[in-house]
Amino acid sequence: TVLRGEATSFSLELPPYRPPNILRTLYTSLIDRTLIVLWRAVV
């Protein structure tokens, strides 16, 4: 309807399975995502 057009294709490369970096995961998840989103919600 309002957004008519052809769907574009994209290349999706499946990355290898790797063990997660736990410290970086905690940092990006708790600081860079959780607290920022929480702050917006609090405001």
Full PDB file with SEQRES, HELIX, SHEET, SSBOND, CRYST1, ORIGX, SCALE, CONECT and MASTER records, all heavy atoms in Angstrom:
SEQRES   1 A   43  THR VAL LEU ARG GLY GLU ALA THR SER PHE SER LEU GLU          
SEQRES   2 A   43  LEU PRO PRO TYR ARG PRO PRO ASN ILE LEU ARG THR LEU          
SEQRES   3 A   43  TYR THR SER LEU ILE ASP ARG THR LEU ILE VAL LEU TRP          
SEQRES   4 A   43  ARG ALA VAL VAL                                              
HELIX    1 AA1 ILE A   22  LEU A   26  1                                   5    
HELIX    2 AA2 TYR A   27  LEU A   35  3                                   9    
HELIX    3 AA3 ILE A   36  VAL A   42  1                                   7    
CRYST1    1.000    1.000    1.000  90.00  90.00  90.00 P 1           1          
ORIGX1      1.000000  0.000000  0.000000        0.00000                         
ORIGX2      0.000000  1.000000  0.000000        0.00000                         
ORIGX3      0.000000  0.000000  1.000000        0.00000                         
SCALE1      1.000000  0.000000  0.000000        0.00000                         
SCALE2      0.000000  1.000000  0.000000        0.00000                         
SCALE3      0.000000  0.000000  1.000000        0.00000                         
ATOM      1  N   THR A   1       0.843  -1.204   0.000  1.00  0.00           N  
ATOM      2  CA  THR A   1       0.000   0.000   0.000  1.00  0.00           C  
ATOM      3  C   THR A   1       0.878   1.254   0.000  1.00  0.00           C  
ATOM      4  O   THR A   1       1.363   1.663  -1.046  1.00  0.00           O  
ATOM      5  CB  THR A   1      -0.938  -0.005   1.223  1.00  0.00           C  
ATOM      6  OG1 THR A   1      -0.167  -0.192   2.426  1.00  0.00           O  
ATOM      7  CG2 THR A   1      -1.969  -1.130   1.118  1.00  0.00           C  
ATOM      8  N   VAL A   2       1.100   1.838   1.145  1.00  0.00           N  
ATOM      9  CA  VAL A   2       1.796   3.128   1.215  1.00  0.00           C  
ATOM     10  C   VAL A   2       3.296   3.016   0.995  1.00  0.00           C  
ATOM     11  O   VAL A   2       3.967   4.022   0.732  1.00  0.00           O  
ATOM     12  CB  VAL A   2       1.529   3.810   2.575  1.00  0.00           C  
ATOM     13  CG1 VAL A   2       0.071   4.198   2.702  1.00  0.00           C  
ATOM     14  CG2 VAL A   2       1.951   2.919   3.729  1.00  0.00           C  
ATOM     15  N   LEU A   3       3.858   1.813   1.112  1.00  0.00           N  
ATOM     16  CA  LEU A   3       5.304   1.635   0.927  1.00  0.00           C  
ATOM     17  C   LEU A   3       5.564   0.563  -0.130  1.00  0.00           C  
ATOM     18  O   LEU A   3       6.325  -0.380   0.082  1.00  0.00           O  
ATOM     19  CB  LEU A   3       5.966   1.258   2.260  1.00  0.00           C  
ATOM     20  CG  LEU A   3       5.991   2.359   3.321  1.00  0.00           C  
ATOM     21  CD1 LEU A   3       6.506   1.834   4.652  1.00  0.00           C  
ATOM     22  CD2 LEU A   3       6.863   3.530   2.852  1.00  0.00           C  
ATOM     23  N   ARG A   4       4.941   0.743  -1.276  1.00  0.00           N  
ATOM     24  CA  ARG A   4       5.118  -0.229  -2.359  1.00  0.00           C  
ATOM     25  C   ARG A   4       6.540  -0.178  -2.905  1.00  0.00           C  
ATOM     26  O   ARG A   4       7.170   0.879  -2.955  1.00  0.00           O  
ATOM     27  CB  ARG A   4       4.124   0.043  -3.491  1.00  0.00           C  
ATOM     28  CG  ARG A   4       2.709  -0.410  -3.205  1.00  0.00           C  
ATOM     29  CD  ARG A   4       1.859  -0.297  -4.454  1.00  0.00           C  
ATOM     30  NE  ARG A   4       1.734   1.098  -4.869  1.00  0.00           N  
ATOM     31  CZ  ARG A   4       0.764   1.897  -4.473  1.00  0.00           C  
ATOM     32  NH1 ARG A   4      -0.169   1.450  -3.650  1.00  0.00           N  
ATOM     33  NH2 ARG A   4       0.714   3.144  -4.887  1.00  0.00           N  
ATOM     34  N   GLY A   5       7.009  -1.332  -3.366  1.00  0.00           N  
ATOM     35  CA  GLY A   5       8.340  -1.420  -3.952  1.00  0.00           C  
ATOM     36  C   GLY A   5       8.842  -2.840  -3.911  1.00  0.00           C  
ATOM     37  O   GLY A   5       8.257  -3.713  -3.263  1.00  0.00           O  
ATOM     38  N   GLU A   6       9.953  -3.086  -4.603  1.00  0.00           N  
ATOM     39  CA  GLU A   6      10.534  -4.422  -4.637  1.00  0.00           C  
ATOM     40  C   GLU A   6      11.421  -4.632  -3.424  1.00  0.00           C  
ATOM     41  O   GLU A   6      12.129  -3.727  -2.992  1.00  0.00           O  
ATOM     42  CB  GLU A   6      11.371  -4.614  -5.908  1.00  0.00           C  
ATOM     43  CG  GLU A   6      10.533  -4.798  -7.159  1.00  0.00           C  
ATOM     44  CD  GLU A   6      11.391  -5.227  -8.336  1.00  0.00           C  
ATOM     45  OE1 GLU A   6      12.427  -5.872  -8.108  1.00  0.00           O  
ATOM     46  OE2 GLU A   6      11.029  -4.901  -9.466  1.00  0.00           O  
ATOM     47  N   ALA A   7      11.382  -5.852  -2.898  1.00  0.00           N  
ATOM     48  CA  ALA A   7      12.271  -6.207  -1.786  1.00  0.00           C  
ATOM     49  C   ALA A   7      13.675  -6.411  -2.322  1.00  0.00           C  
ATOM     50  O   ALA A   7      13.878  -7.038  -3.358  1.00  0.00           O  
ATOM     51  CB  ALA A   7      11.785  -7.482  -1.096  1.00  0.00           C  
ATOM     52  N   THR A   8      14.669  -5.851  -1.630  1.00  0.00           N  
ATOM     53  CA  THR A   8      16.057  -5.993  -2.057  1.00  0.00           C  
ATOM     54  C   THR A   8      16.674  -7.209  -1.389  1.00  0.00           C  
ATOM     55  O   THR A   8      16.286  -7.614  -0.291  1.00  0.00           O  
ATOM     56  CB  THR A   8      16.871  -4.745  -1.679  1.00  0.00           C  
ATOM     57  OG1 THR A   8      16.790  -4.540  -0.263  1.00  0.00           O  
ATOM     58  CG2 THR A   8      16.327  -3.520  -2.376  1.00  0.00           C  
ATOM     59  N   SER A   9      17.641  -7.782  -2.065  1.00  0.00           N  
ATOM     60  CA  SER A   9      18.359  -8.928  -1.504  1.00  0.00           C  
ATOM     61  C   SER A   9      19.587  -8.429  -0.759  1.00  0.00           C  
ATOM     62  O   SER A   9      20.033  -7.299  -0.949  1.00  0.00           O  
ATOM     63  CB  SER A   9      18.783  -9.885  -2.617  1.00  0.00           C  
ATOM     64  OG  SER A   9      19.634  -9.226  -3.532  1.00  0.00           O  
ATOM     65  N   PHE A  10      20.134  -9.263   0.094  1.00  0.00           N  
ATOM     66  CA  PHE A  10      21.354  -8.902   0.800  1.00  0.00           C  
ATOM     67  C   PHE A  10      22.183 -10.149   1.040  1.00  0.00           C  
ATOM     68  O   PHE A  10      21.672 -11.261   1.062  1.00  0.00           O  
ATOM     69  CB  PHE A  10      21.041  -8.199   2.128  1.00  0.00           C  
ATOM     70  CG  PHE A  10      20.598  -9.120   3.235  1.00  0.00           C  
ATOM     71  CD1 PHE A  10      21.464  -9.443   4.272  1.00  0.00           C  
ATOM     72  CD2 PHE A  10      19.326  -9.658   3.258  1.00  0.00           C  
ATOM     73  CE1 PHE A  10      21.057 -10.282   5.293  1.00  0.00           C  
ATOM     74  CE2 PHE A  10      18.920 -10.495   4.272  1.00  0.00           C  
ATOM     75  CZ  PHE A  10      19.789 -10.804   5.295  1.00  0.00           C  
ATOM     76  N   SER A  11      23.484  -9.935   1.165  1.00  0.00           N  
ATOM     77  CA  SER A  11      24.406 -11.048   1.413  1.00  0.00           C  
ATOM     78  C   SER A  11      24.563 -11.221   2.914  1.00  0.00           C  
ATOM     79  O   SER A  11      24.944 -10.281   3.610  1.00  0.00           O  
ATOM     80  CB  SER A  11      25.770 -10.759   0.769  1.00  0.00           C  
ATOM     81  OG  SER A  11      25.643 -10.624  -0.628  1.00  0.00           O  
ATOM     82  N   LEU A  12      24.250 -12.396   3.393  1.00  0.00           N  
ATOM     83  CA  LEU A  12      24.379 -12.682   4.817  1.00  0.00           C  
ATOM     84  C   LEU A  12      25.388 -13.803   4.996  1.00  0.00           C  
ATOM     85  O   LEU A  12      25.126 -14.950   4.625  1.00  0.00           O  
ATOM     86  CB  LEU A  12      23.038 -13.087   5.422  1.00  0.00           C  
ATOM     87  CG  LEU A  12      23.060 -13.457   6.916  1.00  0.00           C  
ATOM     88  CD1 LEU A  12      23.502 -12.256   7.738  1.00  0.00           C  
ATOM     89  CD2 LEU A  12      21.702 -13.945   7.370  1.00  0.00           C  
ATOM     90  N   GLU A  13      26.561 -13.446   5.506  1.00  0.00           N  
ATOM     91  CA  GLU A  13      27.602 -14.434   5.733  1.00  0.00           C  
ATOM     92  C   GLU A  13      27.440 -14.999   7.140  1.00  0.00           C  
ATOM     93  O   GLU A  13      27.387 -14.245   8.118  1.00  0.00           O  
ATOM     94  CB  GLU A  13      28.976 -13.777   5.581  1.00  0.00           C  
ATOM     95  CG  GLU A  13      30.127 -14.734   5.781  1.00  0.00           C  
ATOM     96  CD  GLU A  13      31.461 -14.029   5.624  1.00  0.00           C  
ATOM     97  OE1 GLU A  13      31.457 -12.820   5.327  1.00  0.00           O  
ATOM     98  OE2 GLU A  13      32.493 -14.677   5.810  1.00  0.00           O  
ATOM     99  N   LEU A  14      27.343 -16.315   7.242  1.00  0.00           N  
ATOM    100  CA  LEU A  14      27.205 -16.939   8.545  1.00  0.00           C  
ATOM    101  C   LEU A  14      28.577 -16.988   9.212  1.00  0.00           C  
ATOM    102  O   LEU A  14      29.481 -17.669   8.720  1.00  0.00           O  
ATOM    103  CB  LEU A  14      26.626 -18.348   8.399  1.00  0.00           C  
ATOM    104  CG  LEU A  14      25.205 -18.423   7.839  1.00  0.00           C  
ATOM    105  CD1 LEU A  14      24.748 -19.864   7.781  1.00  0.00           C  
ATOM    106  CD2 LEU A  14      24.250 -17.593   8.665  1.00  0.00           C  
ATOM    107  N   PRO A  15      28.748 -16.277  10.323  1.00  0.00           N  
ATOM    108  CA  PRO A  15      30.060 -16.258  10.974  1.00  0.00           C  
ATOM    109  C   PRO A  15      30.337 -17.583  11.666  1.00  0.00           C  
ATOM    110  O   PRO A  15      29.409 -18.347  11.968  1.00  0.00           O  
ATOM    111  CB  PRO A  15      29.913 -15.128  12.005  1.00  0.00           C  
ATOM    112  CG  PRO A  15      28.459 -15.117  12.330  1.00  0.00           C  
ATOM    113  CD  PRO A  15      27.745 -15.491  11.053  1.00  0.00           C  
ATOM    114  N   PRO A  16      31.602 -17.889  11.934  1.00  0.00           N  
ATOM    115  CA  PRO A  16      31.911 -19.119  12.674  1.00  0.00           C  
ATOM    116  C   PRO A  16      31.424 -19.019  14.111  1.00  0.00           C  
ATOM    117  O   PRO A  16      31.239 -17.921  14.648  1.00  0.00           O  
ATOM    118  CB  PRO A  16      33.444 -19.201  12.607  1.00  0.00           C  
ATOM    119  CG  PRO A  16      33.886 -17.790  12.406  1.00  0.00           C  
ATOM    120  CD  PRO A  16      32.821 -17.134  11.582  1.00  0.00           C  
ATOM    121  N   TYR A  17      31.205 -20.169  14.723  1.00  0.00           N  
ATOM    122  CA  TYR A  17      30.822 -20.197  16.132  1.00  0.00           C  
ATOM    123  C   TYR A  17      32.052 -19.888  16.973  1.00  0.00           C  
ATOM    124  O   TYR A  17      33.114 -20.503  16.806  1.00  0.00           O  
ATOM    125  CB  TYR A  17      30.261 -21.567  16.514  1.00  0.00           C  
ATOM    126  CG  TYR A  17      28.997 -21.915  15.791  1.00  0.00           C  
ATOM    127  CD1 TYR A  17      29.017 -22.755  14.681  1.00  0.00           C  
ATOM    128  CD2 TYR A  17      27.774 -21.407  16.202  1.00  0.00           C  
ATOM    129  CE1 TYR A  17      27.850 -23.081  14.010  1.00  0.00           C  
ATOM    130  CE2 TYR A  17      26.607 -21.727  15.540  1.00  0.00           C  
ATOM    131  CZ  TYR A  17      26.652 -22.565  14.438  1.00  0.00           C  
ATOM    132  OH  TYR A  17      25.494 -22.885  13.775  1.00  0.00           O  
ATOM    133  N   ARG A  18      31.899 -18.921  17.874  1.00  0.00           N  
ATOM    134  CA  ARG A  18      33.026 -18.538  18.719  1.00  0.00           C  
ATOM    135  C   ARG A  18      32.551 -18.411  20.152  1.00  0.00           C  
ATOM    136  O   ARG A  18      31.426 -17.958  20.398  1.00  0.00           O  
ATOM    137  CB  ARG A  18      33.626 -17.188  18.278  1.00  0.00           C  
ATOM    138  CG  ARG A  18      34.101 -17.152  16.837  1.00  0.00           C  
ATOM    139  CD  ARG A  18      34.807 -15.842  16.553  1.00  0.00           C  
ATOM    140  NE  ARG A  18      35.176 -15.735  15.153  1.00  0.00           N  
ATOM    141  CZ  ARG A  18      34.643 -14.879  14.289  1.00  0.00           C  
ATOM    142  NH1 ARG A  18      33.709 -14.050  14.704  1.00  0.00           N  
ATOM    143  NH2 ARG A  18      35.038 -14.841  13.038  1.00  0.00           N  
ATOM    144  N   PRO A  19      33.374 -18.768  21.114  1.00  0.00           N  
ATOM    145  CA  PRO A  19      32.983 -18.557  22.515  1.00  0.00           C  
ATOM    146  C   PRO A  19      32.890 -17.071  22.807  1.00  0.00           C  
ATOM    147  O   PRO A  19      33.737 -16.295  22.356  1.00  0.00           O  
ATOM    148  CB  PRO A  19      34.127 -19.217  23.307  1.00  0.00           C  
ATOM    149  CG  PRO A  19      35.285 -19.235  22.366  1.00  0.00           C  
ATOM    150  CD  PRO A  19      34.705 -19.401  20.994  1.00  0.00           C  
ATOM    151  N   PRO A  20      31.866 -16.638  23.536  1.00  0.00           N  
ATOM    152  CA  PRO A  20      31.708 -15.203  23.802  1.00  0.00           C  
ATOM    153  C   PRO A  20      32.751 -14.684  24.778  1.00  0.00           C  
ATOM    154  O   PRO A  20      33.247 -15.416  25.635  1.00  0.00           O  
ATOM    155  CB  PRO A  20      30.306 -15.112  24.408  1.00  0.00           C  
ATOM    156  CG  PRO A  20      30.078 -16.453  25.016  1.00  0.00           C  
ATOM    157  CD  PRO A  20      30.798 -17.438  24.137  1.00  0.00           C  
ATOM    158  N   ASN A  21      33.071 -13.424  24.623  1.00  0.00           N  
ATOM    159  CA  ASN A  21      33.940 -12.738  25.572  1.00  0.00           C  
ATOM    160  C   ASN A  21      33.057 -12.242  26.721  1.00  0.00           C  
ATOM    161  O   ASN A  21      32.339 -11.255  26.586  1.00  0.00           O  
ATOM    162  CB  ASN A  21      34.649 -11.566  24.880  1.00  0.00           C  
ATOM    163  CG  ASN A  21      35.695 -10.925  25.762  1.00  0.00           C  
ATOM    164  OD1 ASN A  21      35.494 -10.758  26.963  1.00  0.00           O  
ATOM    165  ND2 ASN A  21      36.819 -10.557  25.166  1.00  0.00           N  
ATOM    166  N   ILE A  22      33.105 -12.949  27.849  1.00  0.00           N  
ATOM    167  CA  ILE A  22      32.162 -12.696  28.935  1.00  0.00           C  
ATOM    168  C   ILE A  22      32.278 -11.277  29.477  1.00  0.00           C  
ATOM    169  O   ILE A  22      31.264 -10.591  29.689  1.00  0.00           O  
ATOM    170  CB  ILE A  22      32.363 -13.715  30.075  1.00  0.00           C  
ATOM    171  CG1 ILE A  22      32.122 -15.144  29.550  1.00  0.00           C  
ATOM    172  CG2 ILE A  22      31.419 -13.417  31.223  1.00  0.00           C  
ATOM    173  CD1 ILE A  22      30.737 -15.378  28.985  1.00  0.00           C  
ATOM    174  N   LEU A  23      33.502 -10.792  29.689  1.00  0.00           N  
ATOM    175  CA  LEU A  23      33.672  -9.447  30.254  1.00  0.00           C  
ATOM    176  C   LEU A  23      33.121  -8.389  29.313  1.00  0.00           C  
ATOM    177  O   LEU A  23      32.434  -7.456  29.741  1.00  0.00           O  
ATOM    178  CB  LEU A  23      35.150  -9.190  30.553  1.00  0.00           C  
ATOM    179  CG  LEU A  23      35.767 -10.032  31.673  1.00  0.00           C  
ATOM    180  CD1 LEU A  23      37.240  -9.691  31.845  1.00  0.00           C  
ATOM    181  CD2 LEU A  23      35.019  -9.816  32.985  1.00  0.00           C  
ATOM    182  N   ARG A  24      33.425  -8.524  28.016  1.00  0.00           N  
ATOM    183  CA  ARG A  24      32.907  -7.551  27.053  1.00  0.00           C  
ATOM    184  C   ARG A  24      31.390  -7.648  26.951  1.00  0.00           C  
ATOM    185  O   ARG A  24      30.694  -6.644  26.811  1.00  0.00           O  
ATOM    186  CB  ARG A  24      33.542  -7.771  25.676  1.00  0.00           C  
ATOM    187  CG  ARG A  24      33.080  -6.759  24.633  1.00  0.00           C  
ATOM    188  CD  ARG A  24      33.896  -6.895  23.360  1.00  0.00           C  
ATOM    189  NE  ARG A  24      33.690  -8.183  22.735  1.00  0.00           N  
ATOM    190  CZ  ARG A  24      32.668  -8.445  21.905  1.00  0.00           C  
ATOM    191  NH1 ARG A  24      31.777  -7.502  21.635  1.00  0.00           N  
ATOM    192  NH2 ARG A  24      32.536  -9.622  21.345  1.00  0.00           N  
ATOM    193  N   THR A  25      30.875  -8.883  27.024  1.00  0.00           N  
ATOM    194  CA  THR A  25      29.422  -9.078  26.968  1.00  0.00           C  
ATOM    195  C   THR A  25      28.734  -8.380  28.130  1.00  0.00           C  
ATOM    196  O   THR A  25      27.721  -7.697  27.955  1.00  0.00           O  
ATOM    197  CB  THR A  25      29.091 -10.576  26.983  1.00  0.00           C  
ATOM    198  OG1 THR A  25      29.605 -11.190  25.800  1.00  0.00           O  
ATOM    199  CG2 THR A  25      27.591 -10.798  27.040  1.00  0.00           C  
ATOM    200  N   LEU A  26      29.295  -8.549  29.331  1.00  0.00           N  
ATOM    201  CA  LEU A  26      28.702  -7.895  30.500  1.00  0.00           C  
ATOM    202  C   LEU A  26      28.772  -6.386  30.374  1.00  0.00           C  
ATOM    203  O   LEU A  26      27.827  -5.669  30.717  1.00  0.00           O  
ATOM    204  CB  LEU A  26      29.422  -8.362  31.768  1.00  0.00           C  
ATOM    205  CG  LEU A  26      29.183  -9.826  32.171  1.00  0.00           C  
ATOM    206  CD1 LEU A  26      30.039 -10.182  33.388  1.00  0.00           C  
ATOM    207  CD2 LEU A  26      27.714 -10.077  32.473  1.00  0.00           C  
ATOM    208  N   TYR A  27      29.893  -5.877  29.856  1.00  0.00           N  
ATOM    209  CA  TYR A  27      30.044  -4.429  29.722  1.00  0.00           C  
ATOM    210  C   TYR A  27      29.023  -3.869  28.739  1.00  0.00           C  
ATOM    211  O   TYR A  27      28.273  -2.936  29.056  1.00  0.00           O  
ATOM    212  CB  TYR A  27      31.457  -4.084  29.261  1.00  0.00           C  
ATOM    213  CG  TYR A  27      31.677  -2.596  29.081  1.00  0.00           C  
ATOM    214  CD1 TYR A  27      32.147  -1.818  30.136  1.00  0.00           C  
ATOM    215  CD2 TYR A  27      31.393  -1.964  27.868  1.00  0.00           C  
ATOM    216  CE1 TYR A  27      32.332  -0.451  29.973  1.00  0.00           C  
ATOM    217  CE2 TYR A  27      31.570  -0.613  27.703  1.00  0.00           C  
ATOM    218  CZ  TYR A  27      32.047   0.142  28.760  1.00  0.00           C  
ATOM    219  OH  TYR A  27      32.218   1.485  28.596  1.00  0.00           O  
ATOM    220  N   THR A  28      29.020  -4.438  27.512  1.00  0.00           N  
ATOM    221  CA  THR A  28      28.124  -3.898  26.488  1.00  0.00           C  
ATOM    222  C   THR A  28      26.663  -4.103  26.850  1.00  0.00           C  
ATOM    223  O   THR A  28      25.814  -3.275  26.513  1.00  0.00           O  
ATOM    224  CB  THR A  28      28.409  -4.560  25.128  1.00  0.00           C  
ATOM    225  OG1 THR A  28      28.303  -5.986  25.269  1.00  0.00           O  
ATOM    226  CG2 THR A  28      29.804  -4.220  24.645  1.00  0.00           C  
ATOM    227  N   SER A  29      26.349  -5.197  27.545  1.00  0.00           N  
ATOM    228  CA  SER A  29      24.956  -5.494  27.875  1.00  0.00           C  
ATOM    229  C   SER A  29      24.454  -4.656  29.044  1.00  0.00           C  
ATOM    230  O   SER A  29      23.341  -4.128  29.007  1.00  0.00           O  
ATOM    231  CB  SER A  29      24.785  -6.977  28.204  1.00  0.00           C  
ATOM    232  OG  SER A  29      25.170  -7.778  27.118  1.00  0.00           O  
ATOM    233  N   LEU A  30      25.279  -4.553  30.086  1.00  0.00           N  
ATOM    234  CA  LEU A  30      24.835  -3.859  31.295  1.00  0.00           C  
ATOM    235  C   LEU A  30      25.020  -2.354  31.200  1.00  0.00           C  
ATOM    236  O   LEU A  30      24.152  -1.587  31.638  1.00  0.00           O  
ATOM    237  CB  LEU A  30      25.589  -4.406  32.513  1.00  0.00           C  
ATOM    238  CG  LEU A  30      25.372  -5.896  32.806  1.00  0.00           C  
ATOM    239  CD1 LEU A  30      26.186  -6.324  34.024  1.00  0.00           C  
ATOM    240  CD2 LEU A  30      23.898  -6.197  33.033  1.00  0.00           C  
ATOM    241  N   ILE A  31      26.137  -1.915  30.642  1.00  0.00           N  
ATOM    242  CA  ILE A  31      26.425  -0.484  30.599  1.00  0.00           C  
ATOM    243  C   ILE A  31      25.862   0.143  29.335  1.00  0.00           C  
ATOM    244  O   ILE A  31      25.142   1.137  29.365  1.00  0.00           O  
ATOM    245  CB  ILE A  31      27.947  -0.232  30.685  1.00  0.00           C  
ATOM    246  CG1 ILE A  31      28.526  -0.895  31.944  1.00  0.00           C  
ATOM    247  CG2 ILE A  31      28.233   1.268  30.660  1.00  0.00           C  
ATOM    248  CD1 ILE A  31      27.956  -0.364  33.229  1.00  0.00           C  
ATOM    249  N   ASP A  32      26.206  -0.471  28.191  1.00  0.00           N  
ATOM    250  CA  ASP A  32      25.879   0.164  26.920  1.00  0.00           C  
ATOM    251  C   ASP A  32      24.432  -0.048  26.504  1.00  0.00           C  
ATOM    252  O   ASP A  32      23.931   0.644  25.626  1.00  0.00           O  
ATOM    253  CB  ASP A  32      26.817  -0.382  25.835  1.00  0.00           C  
ATOM    254  CG  ASP A  32      26.986   0.583  24.681  1.00  0.00           C  
ATOM    255  OD1 ASP A  32      26.872   1.789  24.921  1.00  0.00           O  
ATOM    256  OD2 ASP A  32      27.224   0.125  23.557  1.00  0.00           O  
ATOM    257  N   ARG A  33      23.754  -1.026  27.091  1.00  0.00           N  
ATOM    258  CA  ARG A  33      22.356  -1.278  26.704  1.00  0.00           C  
ATOM    259  C   ARG A  33      21.422  -1.094  27.894  1.00  0.00           C  
ATOM    260  O   ARG A  33      20.536  -0.255  27.891  1.00  0.00           O  
ATOM    261  CB  ARG A  33      22.212  -2.689  26.123  1.00  0.00           C  
ATOM    262  CG  ARG A  33      22.903  -2.865  24.780  1.00  0.00           C  
ATOM    263  CD  ARG A  33      22.711  -4.272  24.238  1.00  0.00           C  
ATOM    264  NE  ARG A  33      23.383  -4.458  22.963  1.00  0.00           N  
ATOM    265  CZ  ARG A  33      23.428  -5.607  22.298  1.00  0.00           C  
ATOM    266  NH1 ARG A  33      22.836  -6.681  22.792  1.00  0.00           N  
ATOM    267  NH2 ARG A  33      24.051  -5.692  21.147  1.00  0.00           N  
ATOM    268  N   THR A  34      21.633  -1.900  28.946  1.00  0.00           N  
ATOM    269  CA  THR A  34      20.674  -1.931  30.055  1.00  0.00           C  
ATOM    270  C   THR A  34      20.536  -0.565  30.716  1.00  0.00           C  
ATOM    271  O   THR A  34      19.428  -0.042  30.857  1.00  0.00           O  
ATOM    272  CB  THR A  34      21.109  -2.979  31.089  1.00  0.00           C  
ATOM    273  OG1 THR A  34      21.178  -4.255  30.462  1.00  0.00           O  
ATOM    274  CG2 THR A  34      20.122  -3.033  32.238  1.00  0.00           C  
ATOM    275  N   LEU A  35      21.643   0.018  31.150  1.00  0.00           N  
ATOM    276  CA  LEU A  35      21.560   1.268  31.903  1.00  0.00           C  
ATOM    277  C   LEU A  35      21.084   2.433  31.045  1.00  0.00           C  
ATOM    278  O   LEU A  35      20.360   3.312  31.524  1.00  0.00           O  
ATOM    279  CB  LEU A  35      22.923   1.588  32.535  1.00  0.00           C  
ATOM    280  CG  LEU A  35      23.382   0.609  33.623  1.00  0.00           C  
ATOM    281  CD1 LEU A  35      24.678   1.091  34.257  1.00  0.00           C  
ATOM    282  CD2 LEU A  35      22.302   0.430  34.696  1.00  0.00           C  
ATOM    283  N   ILE A  36      21.490   2.443  29.762  1.00  0.00           N  
ATOM    284  CA  ILE A  36      21.053   3.524  28.885  1.00  0.00           C  
ATOM    285  C   ILE A  36      19.541   3.449  28.658  1.00  0.00           C  
ATOM    286  O   ILE A  36      18.821   4.453  28.752  1.00  0.00           O  
ATOM    287  CB  ILE A  36      21.813   3.466  27.548  1.00  0.00           C  
ATOM    288  CG1 ILE A  36      23.280   3.857  27.774  1.00  0.00           C  
ATOM    289  CG2 ILE A  36      21.172   4.379  26.509  1.00  0.00           C  
ATOM    290  CD1 ILE A  36      24.140   3.764  26.534  1.00  0.00           C  
ATOM    291  N   VAL A  37      19.038   2.237  28.363  1.00  0.00           N  
ATOM    292  CA  VAL A  37      17.601   2.074  28.164  1.00  0.00           C  
ATOM    293  C   VAL A  37      16.851   2.359  29.457  1.00  0.00           C  
ATOM    294  O   VAL A  37      15.782   2.993  29.454  1.00  0.00           O  
ATOM    295  CB  VAL A  37      17.297   0.656  27.651  1.00  0.00           C  
ATOM    296  CG1 VAL A  37      15.796   0.425  27.585  1.00  0.00           C  
ATOM    297  CG2 VAL A  37      17.918   0.441  26.278  1.00  0.00           C  
ATOM    298  N   LEU A  38      17.399   1.902  30.587  1.00  0.00           N  
ATOM    299  CA  LEU A  38      16.758   2.146  31.875  1.00  0.00           C  
ATOM    300  C   LEU A  38      16.687   3.642  32.166  1.00  0.00           C  
ATOM    301  O   LEU A  38      15.669   4.141  32.656  1.00  0.00           O  
ATOM    302  CB  LEU A  38      17.536   1.425  32.986  1.00  0.00           C  
ATOM    303  CG  LEU A  38      16.970   1.580  34.397  1.00  0.00           C  
ATOM    304  CD1 LEU A  38      15.607   0.913  34.489  1.00  0.00           C  
ATOM    305  CD2 LEU A  38      17.926   0.986  35.426  1.00  0.00           C  
ATOM    306  N   TRP A  39      17.747   4.371  31.857  1.00  0.00           N  
ATOM    307  CA  TRP A  39      17.756   5.809  32.109  1.00  0.00           C  
ATOM    308  C   TRP A  39      16.668   6.507  31.302  1.00  0.00           C  
ATOM    309  O   TRP A  39      15.951   7.373  31.821  1.00  0.00           O  
ATOM    310  CB  TRP A  39      19.126   6.393  31.769  1.00  0.00           C  
ATOM    311  CG  TRP A  39      19.139   7.890  31.723  1.00  0.00           C  
ATOM    312  CD1 TRP A  39      19.303   8.691  30.641  1.00  0.00           C  
ATOM    313  CD2 TRP A  39      18.953   8.783  32.835  1.00  0.00           C  
ATOM    314  NE1 TRP A  39      19.241  10.006  30.979  1.00  0.00           N  
ATOM    315  CE2 TRP A  39      19.025  10.102  32.328  1.00  0.00           C  
ATOM    316  CE3 TRP A  39      18.733   8.592  34.196  1.00  0.00           C  
ATOM    317  CZ2 TRP A  39      18.885  11.209  33.138  1.00  0.00           C  
ATOM    318  CZ3 TRP A  39      18.592   9.718  35.008  1.00  0.00           C  
ATOM    319  CH2 TRP A  39      18.677  11.003  34.478  1.00  0.00           C  
ATOM    320  N   ARG A  40      16.517   6.111  30.031  1.00  0.00           N  
ATOM    321  CA  ARG A  40      15.465   6.712  29.210  1.00  0.00           C  
ATOM    322  C   ARG A  40      14.086   6.423  29.799  1.00  0.00           C  
ATOM    323  O   ARG A  40      13.215   7.292  29.842  1.00  0.00           O  
ATOM    324  CB  ARG A  40      15.544   6.179  27.780  1.00  0.00           C  
ATOM    325  CG  ARG A  40      16.758   6.655  27.004  1.00  0.00           C  
ATOM    326  CD  ARG A  40      16.772   6.061  25.612  1.00  0.00           C  
ATOM    327  NE  ARG A  40      17.923   6.515  24.854  1.00  0.00           N  
ATOM    328  CZ  ARG A  40      18.220   6.080  23.625  1.00  0.00           C  
ATOM    329  NH1 ARG A  40      17.434   5.209  23.036  1.00  0.00           N  
ATOM    330  NH2 ARG A  40      19.290   6.536  23.007  1.00  0.00           N  
ATOM    331  N   ALA A  41      13.889   5.189  30.248  1.00  0.00           N  
ATOM    332  CA  ALA A  41      12.597   4.815  30.828  1.00  0.00           C  
ATOM    333  C   ALA A  41      12.324   5.603  32.099  1.00  0.00           C  
ATOM    334  O   ALA A  41      11.193   6.030  32.358  1.00  0.00           O  
ATOM    335  CB  ALA A  41      12.567   3.316  31.112  1.00  0.00           C  
ATOM    336  N   VAL A  42      13.354   5.807  32.921  1.00  0.00           N  
ATOM    337  CA  VAL A  42      13.199   6.557  34.169  1.00  0.00           C  
ATOM    338  C   VAL A  42      12.798   7.997  33.882  1.00  0.00           C  
ATOM    339  O   VAL A  42      11.922   8.572  34.544  1.00  0.00           O  
ATOM    340  CB  VAL A  42      14.503   6.497  34.986  1.00  0.00           C  
ATOM    341  CG1 VAL A  42      14.518   7.554  36.086  1.00  0.00           C  
ATOM    342  CG2 VAL A  42      14.683   5.109  35.596  1.00  0.00           C  
ATOM    343  N   VAL A  43      13.443   8.602  32.877  1.00  0.00           N  
ATOM    344  CA  VAL A  43      13.130   9.992  32.522  1.00  0.00           C  
ATOM    345  C   VAL A  43      11.663  10.138  32.137  1.00  0.00           C  
ATOM    346  O   VAL A  43      10.991  11.104  32.523  1.00  0.00           O  
ATOM    347  CB  VAL A  43      14.047  10.463  31.370  1.00  0.00           C  
ATOM    348  CG1 VAL A  43      13.571  11.800  30.821  1.00  0.00           C  
ATOM    349  CG2 VAL A  43      15.488  10.573  31.854  1.00  0.00           C  
TER     350      VAL A  43                                                      
MASTER        0    0    0    3    0    0    0    6  349    1    0    4          
END                                                                             
